[in-house]
């Protein structure tokens, strides 16, 4: 059931629930059993590697989708030892062969942020800096908003620049994310700044949040930095 829900989210591009995909897949791995009759095309249990051999042979025979399946198998440790680096690399290679697929790009970004923060991940960041899509700008904005391991430090200014680039291409949610982040940190001044900035790009949540803050600014001042 968990696997079915997870792949329903992926297959139908339900971005609103995208954050639930990784925890569902991890739980499937913890249970130690994956019914692949309808998804992976092979049924297996833990401590066997027949499913890996099957998908490796699929890749050799020209079925590129096998890279996607293998990436999830290794990344989540589904019936094998978990190997995040190998899983991410396989998923990245699958993305390179399927660049036009927005869903695969979003899947890589989702998995990336759940991985251990190791220096090898810098190569992925450097690659996406060469791409010019709203999703990659949003991804890079999140990278600098959060910071990654010990090699990418949080940088609000750089994060803002990438979110603005994404907004200019129609993906405005990053500016609302920054506004909400600073509101949660009780920094009303910065929250207002980012909600106003997002409103300029017609982000509906920024517009609503800005209206609420402006109507309650005097009340909120006593609880926040202004």
C-alpha atoms as a PDB file:
ATOM      1  CA  UNK A   1       0.000   0.000   0.000  1.00  0.00           C
ATOM      2  CA  UNK A   2       2.825   2.416   0.861  1.00  0.00           C
ATOM      3  CA  UNK A   3       4.572   1.659  -2.417  1.00  0.00           C
ATOM      4  CA  UNK A   4       1.362   2.161  -4.347  1.00  0.00           C
ATOM      5  CA  UNK A   5       0.731   5.544  -2.710  1.00  0.00           C
ATOM      6  CA  UNK A   6       4.344   6.653  -3.249  1.00  0.00           C
ATOM      7  CA  UNK A   7       4.331   5.853  -6.949  1.00  0.00           C
ATOM      8  CA  UNK A   8       0.850   7.316  -7.390  1.00  0.00           C
ATOM      9  CA  UNK A   9       2.339  10.590  -6.166  1.00  0.00           C
ATOM     10  CA  UNK A  10       5.231  10.271  -8.629  1.00  0.00           C
ATOM     11  CA  UNK A  11       3.262   8.979 -11.598  1.00  0.00           C
ATOM     12  CA  UNK A  12       0.558  11.639 -11.368  1.00  0.00           C
ATOM     13  CA  UNK A  13       2.936  14.501 -10.592  1.00  0.00           C
ATOM     14  CA  UNK A  14       1.164  15.358  -7.333  1.00  0.00           C
ATOM     15  CA  UNK A  15       3.661  18.033  -6.344  1.00  0.00           C
ATOM     16  CA  UNK A  16       1.584  19.025  -3.313  1.00  0.00           C
ATOM     17  CA  UNK A  17       2.345  15.615  -1.772  1.00  0.00           C
ATOM     18  CA  UNK A  18       5.863  15.208  -3.136  1.00  0.00           C
ATOM     19  CA  UNK A  19       7.447  15.475   0.318  1.00  0.00           C
ATOM     20  CA  UNK A  20       5.681  12.234   1.285  1.00  0.00           C
ATOM     21  CA  UNK A  21       7.373  10.101  -1.386  1.00  0.00           C
ATOM     22  CA  UNK A  22      10.718   9.580   0.339  1.00  0.00           C
ATOM     23  CA  UNK A  23       9.324   8.653   3.796  1.00  0.00           C
ATOM     24  CA  UNK A  24       6.946   6.151   2.164  1.00  0.00           C
ATOM     25  CA  UNK A  25       9.777   4.545   0.190  1.00  0.00           C
ATOM     26  CA  UNK A  26      11.970   4.407   3.285  1.00  0.00           C
ATOM     27  CA  UNK A  27       9.208   2.644   5.181  1.00  0.00           C
ATOM     28  CA  UNK A  28       8.890   0.109   2.373  1.00  0.00           C
ATOM     29  CA  UNK A  29      12.618  -0.558   2.736  1.00  0.00           C
ATOM     30  CA  UNK A  30      12.284  -0.961   6.504  1.00  0.00           C
ATOM     31  CA  UNK A  31       9.498  -3.494   6.066  1.00  0.00           C
ATOM     32  CA  UNK A  32      11.945  -5.440   3.928  1.00  0.00           C
ATOM     33  CA  UNK A  33       9.551  -6.564   1.240  1.00  0.00           C
ATOM     34  CA  UNK A  34       8.623  -5.076  -2.101  1.00  0.00           C
ATOM     35  CA  UNK A  35       5.766  -6.345  -4.226  1.00  0.00           C
ATOM     36  CA  UNK A  36       7.027  -5.526  -7.677  1.00  0.00           C
ATOM     37  CA  UNK A  37       4.342  -7.236  -9.742  1.00  0.00           C
ATOM     38  CA  UNK A  38       2.773  -3.950 -10.779  1.00  0.00           C
ATOM     39  CA  UNK A  39       5.689  -1.508 -10.433  1.00  0.00           C
ATOM     40  CA  UNK A  40       9.096  -3.132 -10.786  1.00  0.00           C
ATOM     41  CA  UNK A  41       8.074  -6.194 -12.772  1.00  0.00           C
ATOM     42  CA  UNK A  42       9.719  -8.557 -10.314  1.00  0.00           C
ATOM     43  CA  UNK A  43       8.807  -9.880  -6.878  1.00  0.00           C
ATOM     44  CA  UNK A  44      11.573 -10.257  -4.324  1.00  0.00           C
ATOM     45  CA  UNK A  45      12.431 -10.352  -0.634  1.00  0.00           C
ATOM     46  CA  UNK A  46      15.376  -9.068   1.385  1.00  0.00           C
ATOM     47  CA  UNK A  47      18.786 -10.758   1.157  1.00  0.00           C
ATOM     48  CA  UNK A  48      18.402 -11.653  -2.499  1.00  0.00           C
ATOM     49  CA  UNK A  49      19.826  -9.793  -5.456  1.00  0.00           C
ATOM     50  CA  UNK A  50      17.727 -11.238  -8.256  1.00  0.00           C
ATOM     51  CA  UNK A  51      15.846  -7.958  -8.617  1.00  0.00           C
ATOM     52  CA  UNK A  52      19.134  -6.084  -9.126  1.00  0.00           C
ATOM     53  CA  UNK A  53      20.337  -8.565 -11.746  1.00  0.00           C
ATOM     54  CA  UNK A  54      16.995  -8.294 -13.500  1.00  0.00           C
ATOM     55  CA  UNK A  55      17.151  -4.511 -13.833  1.00  0.00           C
ATOM     56  CA  UNK A  56      20.860  -4.497 -14.698  1.00  0.00           C
ATOM     57  CA  UNK A  57      20.039  -6.833 -17.587  1.00  0.00           C
ATOM     58  CA  UNK A  58      17.194  -4.523 -18.579  1.00  0.00           C
ATOM     59  CA  UNK A  59      19.660  -1.618 -18.791  1.00  0.00           C
ATOM     60  CA  UNK A  60      22.086  -3.724 -20.856  1.00  0.00           C
ATOM     61  CA  UNK A  61      19.284  -4.622 -23.228  1.00  0.00           C
ATOM     62  CA  UNK A  62      18.487  -0.937 -23.806  1.00  0.00           C
ATOM     63  CA  UNK A  63      15.697  -0.354 -21.280  1.00  0.00           C
ATOM     64  CA  UNK A  64      16.832   2.954 -19.785  1.00  0.00           C
ATOM     65  CA  UNK A  65      14.003   2.841 -17.251  1.00  0.00           C
ATOM     66  CA  UNK A  66      16.075   0.248 -15.435  1.00  0.00           C
ATOM     67  CA  UNK A  67      18.416   3.038 -14.306  1.00  0.00           C
ATOM     68  CA  UNK A  68      15.498   4.721 -12.586  1.00  0.00           C
ATOM     69  CA  UNK A  69      14.456   1.526 -10.817  1.00  0.00           C
ATOM     70  CA  UNK A  70      18.044   0.666  -9.846  1.00  0.00           C
ATOM     71  CA  UNK A  71      18.566   4.163  -8.487  1.00  0.00           C
ATOM     72  CA  UNK A  72      15.616   3.771  -6.115  1.00  0.00           C
ATOM     73  CA  UNK A  73      16.685   0.251  -5.149  1.00  0.00           C
ATOM     74  CA  UNK A  74      20.200   1.380  -4.172  1.00  0.00           C
ATOM     75  CA  UNK A  75      19.191   4.717  -2.698  1.00  0.00           C
ATOM     76  CA  UNK A  76      16.597   3.232  -0.342  1.00  0.00           C
ATOM     77  CA  UNK A  77      18.334  -0.089   0.230  1.00  0.00           C
ATOM     78  CA  UNK A  78      15.455  -2.121  -1.190  1.00  0.00           C
ATOM     79  CA  UNK A  79      16.615  -5.699  -0.832  1.00  0.00           C
ATOM     80  CA  UNK A  80      20.290  -4.678  -0.771  1.00  0.00           C
ATOM     81  CA  UNK A  81      22.765  -2.600   1.194  1.00  0.00           C
ATOM     82  CA  UNK A  82      21.799   1.072   1.040  1.00  0.00           C
ATOM     83  CA  UNK A  83      24.120   3.125  -1.182  1.00  0.00           C
ATOM     84  CA  UNK A  84      22.930   6.729  -1.512  1.00  0.00           C
ATOM     85  CA  UNK A  85      25.833   7.811  -3.709  1.00  0.00           C
ATOM     86  CA  UNK A  86      25.314   5.032  -6.228  1.00  0.00           C
ATOM     87  CA  UNK A  87      21.558   5.600  -6.197  1.00  0.00           C
ATOM     88  CA  UNK A  88      21.917   9.336  -6.798  1.00  0.00           C
ATOM     89  CA  UNK A  89      24.391   8.796  -9.624  1.00  0.00           C
ATOM     90  CA  UNK A  90      22.084   6.309 -11.359  1.00  0.00           C
ATOM     91  CA  UNK A  91      19.152   8.692 -10.960  1.00  0.00           C
ATOM     92  CA  UNK A  92      21.250  11.566 -12.321  1.00  0.00           C
ATOM     93  CA  UNK A  93      22.281   9.504 -15.349  1.00  0.00           C
ATOM     94  CA  UNK A  94      18.640   8.624 -15.945  1.00  0.00           C
ATOM     95  CA  UNK A  95      17.798  12.322 -15.759  1.00  0.00           C
ATOM     96  CA  UNK A  96      20.487  13.181 -18.325  1.00  0.00           C
ATOM     97  CA  UNK A  97      18.783  10.785 -20.758  1.00  0.00           C
ATOM     98  CA  UNK A  98      15.302  12.156 -19.963  1.00  0.00           C
ATOM     99  CA  UNK A  99      15.830  15.901 -19.558  1.00  0.00           C
ATOM    100  CA  UNK A 100      12.453  16.798 -20.993  1.00  0.00           C
ATOM    101  CA  UNK A 101      10.685  14.946 -18.171  1.00  0.00           C
ATOM    102  CA  UNK A 102       9.834  17.480 -15.455  1.00  0.00           C
ATOM    103  CA  UNK A 103       8.838  14.717 -13.069  1.00  0.00           C
ATOM    104  CA  UNK A 104      12.293  13.112 -13.178  1.00  0.00           C
ATOM    105  CA  UNK A 105      13.910  16.469 -12.477  1.00  0.00           C
ATOM    106  CA  UNK A 106      11.643  16.956  -9.453  1.00  0.00           C
ATOM    107  CA  UNK A 107      12.297  13.404  -8.285  1.00  0.00           C
ATOM    108  CA  UNK A 108      16.057  13.967  -8.370  1.00  0.00           C
ATOM    109  CA  UNK A 109      15.727  17.201  -6.399  1.00  0.00           C
ATOM    110  CA  UNK A 110      13.480  15.518  -3.811  1.00  0.00           C
ATOM    111  CA  UNK A 111      15.861  12.602  -3.339  1.00  0.00           C
ATOM    112  CA  UNK A 112      18.897  14.912  -3.304  1.00  0.00           C
ATOM    113  CA  UNK A 113      17.689  16.819  -0.254  1.00  0.00           C
ATOM    114  CA  UNK A 114      17.093  13.573   1.659  1.00  0.00           C
ATOM    115  CA  UNK A 115      20.597  12.250   1.057  1.00  0.00           C
ATOM    116  CA  UNK A 116      23.599  12.499   3.355  1.00  0.00           C
ATOM    117  CA  UNK A 117      25.416  15.763   2.774  1.00  0.00           C
ATOM    118  CA  UNK A 118      28.680  14.583   1.238  1.00  0.00           C
ATOM    119  CA  UNK A 119      31.152  16.516  -0.921  1.00  0.00           C
ATOM    120  CA  UNK A 120      30.438  14.424  -4.031  1.00  0.00           C
ATOM    121  CA  UNK A 121      27.027  16.105  -4.179  1.00  0.00           C
ATOM    122  CA  UNK A 122      28.744  19.333  -5.242  1.00  0.00           C
ATOM    123  CA  UNK A 123      29.102  17.920  -8.766  1.00  0.00           C
ATOM    124  CA  UNK A 124      25.301  17.794  -9.087  1.00  0.00           C
ATOM    125  CA  UNK A 125      24.956  21.388  -7.860  1.00  0.00           C
ATOM    126  CA  UNK A 126      27.590  22.569 -10.337  1.00  0.00           C
ATOM    127  CA  UNK A 127      25.806  20.788 -13.178  1.00  0.00           C
ATOM    128  CA  UNK A 128      22.419  22.331 -12.432  1.00  0.00           C
ATOM    129  CA  UNK A 129      24.033  25.762 -12.337  1.00  0.00           C
ATOM    130  CA  UNK A 130      24.470  25.320 -16.099  1.00  0.00           C
ATOM    131  CA  UNK A 131      20.754  24.713 -16.705  1.00  0.00           C
ATOM    132  CA  UNK A 132      18.172  27.411 -17.327  1.00  0.00           C
ATOM    133  CA  UNK A 133      14.807  26.147 -16.062  1.00  0.00           C
ATOM    134  CA  UNK A 134      12.557  27.470 -13.292  1.00  0.00           C
ATOM    135  CA  UNK A 135      12.848  24.146 -11.436  1.00  0.00           C
ATOM    136  CA  UNK A 136      16.660  24.242 -11.387  1.00  0.00           C
ATOM    137  CA  UNK A 137      16.630  27.856 -10.188  1.00  0.00           C
ATOM    138  CA  UNK A 138      14.188  26.851  -7.444  1.00  0.00           C
ATOM    139  CA  UNK A 139      16.384  23.867  -6.545  1.00  0.00           C
ATOM    140  CA  UNK A 140      19.499  26.051  -6.286  1.00  0.00           C
ATOM    141  CA  UNK A 141      17.562  28.562  -4.207  1.00  0.00           C
ATOM    142  CA  UNK A 142      16.702  25.796  -1.765  1.00  0.00           C
ATOM    143  CA  UNK A 143      20.337  24.628  -1.729  1.00  0.00           C
ATOM    144  CA  UNK A 144      21.564  28.030  -0.562  1.00  0.00           C
ATOM    145  CA  UNK A 145      18.560  28.616   1.677  1.00  0.00           C
ATOM    146  CA  UNK A 146      19.219  25.408   3.604  1.00  0.00           C
ATOM    147  CA  UNK A 147      22.930  24.890   3.127  1.00  0.00           C
ATOM    148  CA  UNK A 148      24.333  21.493   2.175  1.00  0.00           C
ATOM    149  CA  UNK A 149      26.747  19.659   4.448  1.00  0.00           C
ATOM    150  CA  UNK A 150      30.013  21.474   5.088  1.00  0.00           C
ATOM    151  CA  UNK A 151      30.579  22.653   1.508  1.00  0.00           C
ATOM    152  CA  UNK A 152      27.573  24.897   0.796  1.00  0.00           C
ATOM    153  CA  UNK A 153      26.877  27.424   3.531  1.00  0.00           C
ATOM    154  CA  UNK A 154      23.523  29.119   3.945  1.00  0.00           C
ATOM    155  CA  UNK A 155      23.437  32.298   1.917  1.00  0.00           C
ATOM    156  CA  UNK A 156      20.211  34.290   1.934  1.00  0.00           C
ATOM    157  CA  UNK A 157      21.360  36.686  -0.800  1.00  0.00           C
ATOM    158  CA  UNK A 158      22.259  33.940  -3.288  1.00  0.00           C
ATOM    159  CA  UNK A 159      19.101  32.031  -2.407  1.00  0.00           C
ATOM    160  CA  UNK A 160      17.005  35.134  -3.097  1.00  0.00           C
ATOM    161  CA  UNK A 161      18.689  35.624  -6.490  1.00  0.00           C
ATOM    162  CA  UNK A 162      17.853  32.082  -7.586  1.00  0.00           C
ATOM    163  CA  UNK A 163      14.267  32.312  -6.323  1.00  0.00           C
ATOM    164  CA  UNK A 164      13.823  35.557  -8.263  1.00  0.00           C
ATOM    165  CA  UNK A 165      15.121  33.858 -11.424  1.00  0.00           C
ATOM    166  CA  UNK A 166      12.634  31.048 -10.853  1.00  0.00           C
ATOM    167  CA  UNK A 167       9.834  33.591 -10.279  1.00  0.00           C
ATOM    168  CA  UNK A 168      10.715  35.372 -13.507  1.00  0.00           C
ATOM    169  CA  UNK A 169      10.062  32.062 -15.256  1.00  0.00           C
ATOM    170  CA  UNK A 170       6.767  31.521 -13.461  1.00  0.00           C
ATOM    171  CA  UNK A 171       7.803  29.421 -10.424  1.00  0.00           C
ATOM    172  CA  UNK A 172       7.152  31.779  -7.512  1.00  0.00           C
ATOM    173  CA  UNK A 173       6.926  29.507  -4.467  1.00  0.00           C
ATOM    174  CA  UNK A 174      10.529  30.077  -3.382  1.00  0.00           C
ATOM    175  CA  UNK A 175       9.889  33.664  -2.338  1.00  0.00           C
ATOM    176  CA  UNK A 176       6.945  32.568  -0.206  1.00  0.00           C
ATOM    177  CA  UNK A 177       9.195  29.886   1.307  1.00  0.00           C
ATOM    178  CA  UNK A 178      11.700  32.565   2.360  1.00  0.00           C
ATOM    179  CA  UNK A 179       8.952  34.770   3.741  1.00  0.00           C
ATOM    180  CA  UNK A 180       7.480  31.900   5.736  1.00  0.00           C
ATOM    181  CA  UNK A 181      10.927  30.854   6.936  1.00  0.00           C
ATOM    182  CA  UNK A 182      11.666  34.279   8.396  1.00  0.00           C
ATOM    183  CA  UNK A 183       8.185  34.574   9.855  1.00  0.00           C
ATOM    184  CA  UNK A 184       8.774  31.266  11.677  1.00  0.00           C
ATOM    185  CA  UNK A 185      12.074  32.713  12.898  1.00  0.00           C
ATOM    186  CA  UNK A 186      10.072  35.730  14.199  1.00  0.00           C
ATOM    187  CA  UNK A 187      11.791  38.137  11.818  1.00  0.00           C
ATOM    188  CA  UNK A 188       8.787  40.198  10.717  1.00  0.00           C
ATOM    189  CA  UNK A 189      10.812  42.718   8.721  1.00  0.00           C
ATOM    190  CA  UNK A 190      12.354  40.106   6.438  1.00  0.00           C
ATOM    191  CA  UNK A 191       9.097  38.171   6.184  1.00  0.00           C
ATOM    192  CA  UNK A 192       7.328  41.318   4.964  1.00  0.00           C
ATOM    193  CA  UNK A 193      10.129  41.965   2.478  1.00  0.00           C
ATOM    194  CA  UNK A 194       9.870  38.544   0.857  1.00  0.00           C
ATOM    195  CA  UNK A 195       6.075  38.466   0.850  1.00  0.00           C
ATOM    196  CA  UNK A 196       6.102  41.868  -0.875  1.00  0.00           C
ATOM    197  CA  UNK A 197       8.679  40.617  -3.370  1.00  0.00           C
ATOM    198  CA  UNK A 198       6.647  37.487  -4.077  1.00  0.00           C
ATOM    199  CA  UNK A 199       3.497  39.559  -4.480  1.00  0.00           C
ATOM    200  CA  UNK A 200       5.197  41.490  -7.298  1.00  0.00           C
ATOM    201  CA  UNK A 201       5.413  38.168  -9.143  1.00  0.00           C
ATOM    202  CA  UNK A 202       1.732  37.417  -8.377  1.00  0.00           C
ATOM    203  CA  UNK A 203       2.413  34.532  -5.997  1.00  0.00           C
ATOM    204  CA  UNK A 204      -0.997  33.847  -4.444  1.00  0.00           C
ATOM    205  CA  UNK A 205       0.358  32.728  -1.062  1.00  0.00           C
ATOM    206  CA  UNK A 206       2.641  35.759  -0.800  1.00  0.00           C
ATOM    207  CA  UNK A 207      -0.315  38.016  -1.541  1.00  0.00           C
ATOM    208  CA  UNK A 208      -2.431  36.372   1.169  1.00  0.00           C
ATOM    209  CA  UNK A 209       0.390  36.314   3.714  1.00  0.00           C
ATOM    210  CA  UNK A 210       1.291  39.928   3.014  1.00  0.00           C
ATOM    211  CA  UNK A 211      -2.302  41.035   3.472  1.00  0.00           C
ATOM    212  CA  UNK A 212      -2.512  39.223   6.810  1.00  0.00           C
ATOM    213  CA  UNK A 213       0.775  40.651   8.090  1.00  0.00           C
ATOM    214  CA  UNK A 214      -0.037  44.194   7.058  1.00  0.00           C
ATOM    215  CA  UNK A 215      -3.404  43.958   8.822  1.00  0.00           C
ATOM    216  CA  UNK A 216      -1.787  42.630  11.985  1.00  0.00           C
ATOM    217  CA  UNK A 217       1.637  44.259  11.948  1.00  0.00           C
ATOM    218  CA  UNK A 218       1.155  46.165  15.224  1.00  0.00           C
ATOM    219  CA  UNK A 219       0.010  43.028  17.032  1.00  0.00           C
ATOM    220  CA  UNK A 220       2.885  40.959  15.624  1.00  0.00           C
ATOM    221  CA  UNK A 221       5.596  43.476  16.425  1.00  0.00           C
ATOM    222  CA  UNK A 222       5.579  42.497  20.095  1.00  0.00           C
ATOM    223  CA  UNK A 223       6.332  38.868  19.207  1.00  0.00           C
ATOM    224  CA  UNK A 224       8.850  39.390  16.389  1.00  0.00           C
ATOM    225  CA  UNK A 225      11.929  41.281  15.312  1.00  0.00           C
ATOM    226  CA  UNK A 226      10.994  44.384  13.322  1.00  0.00           C
END
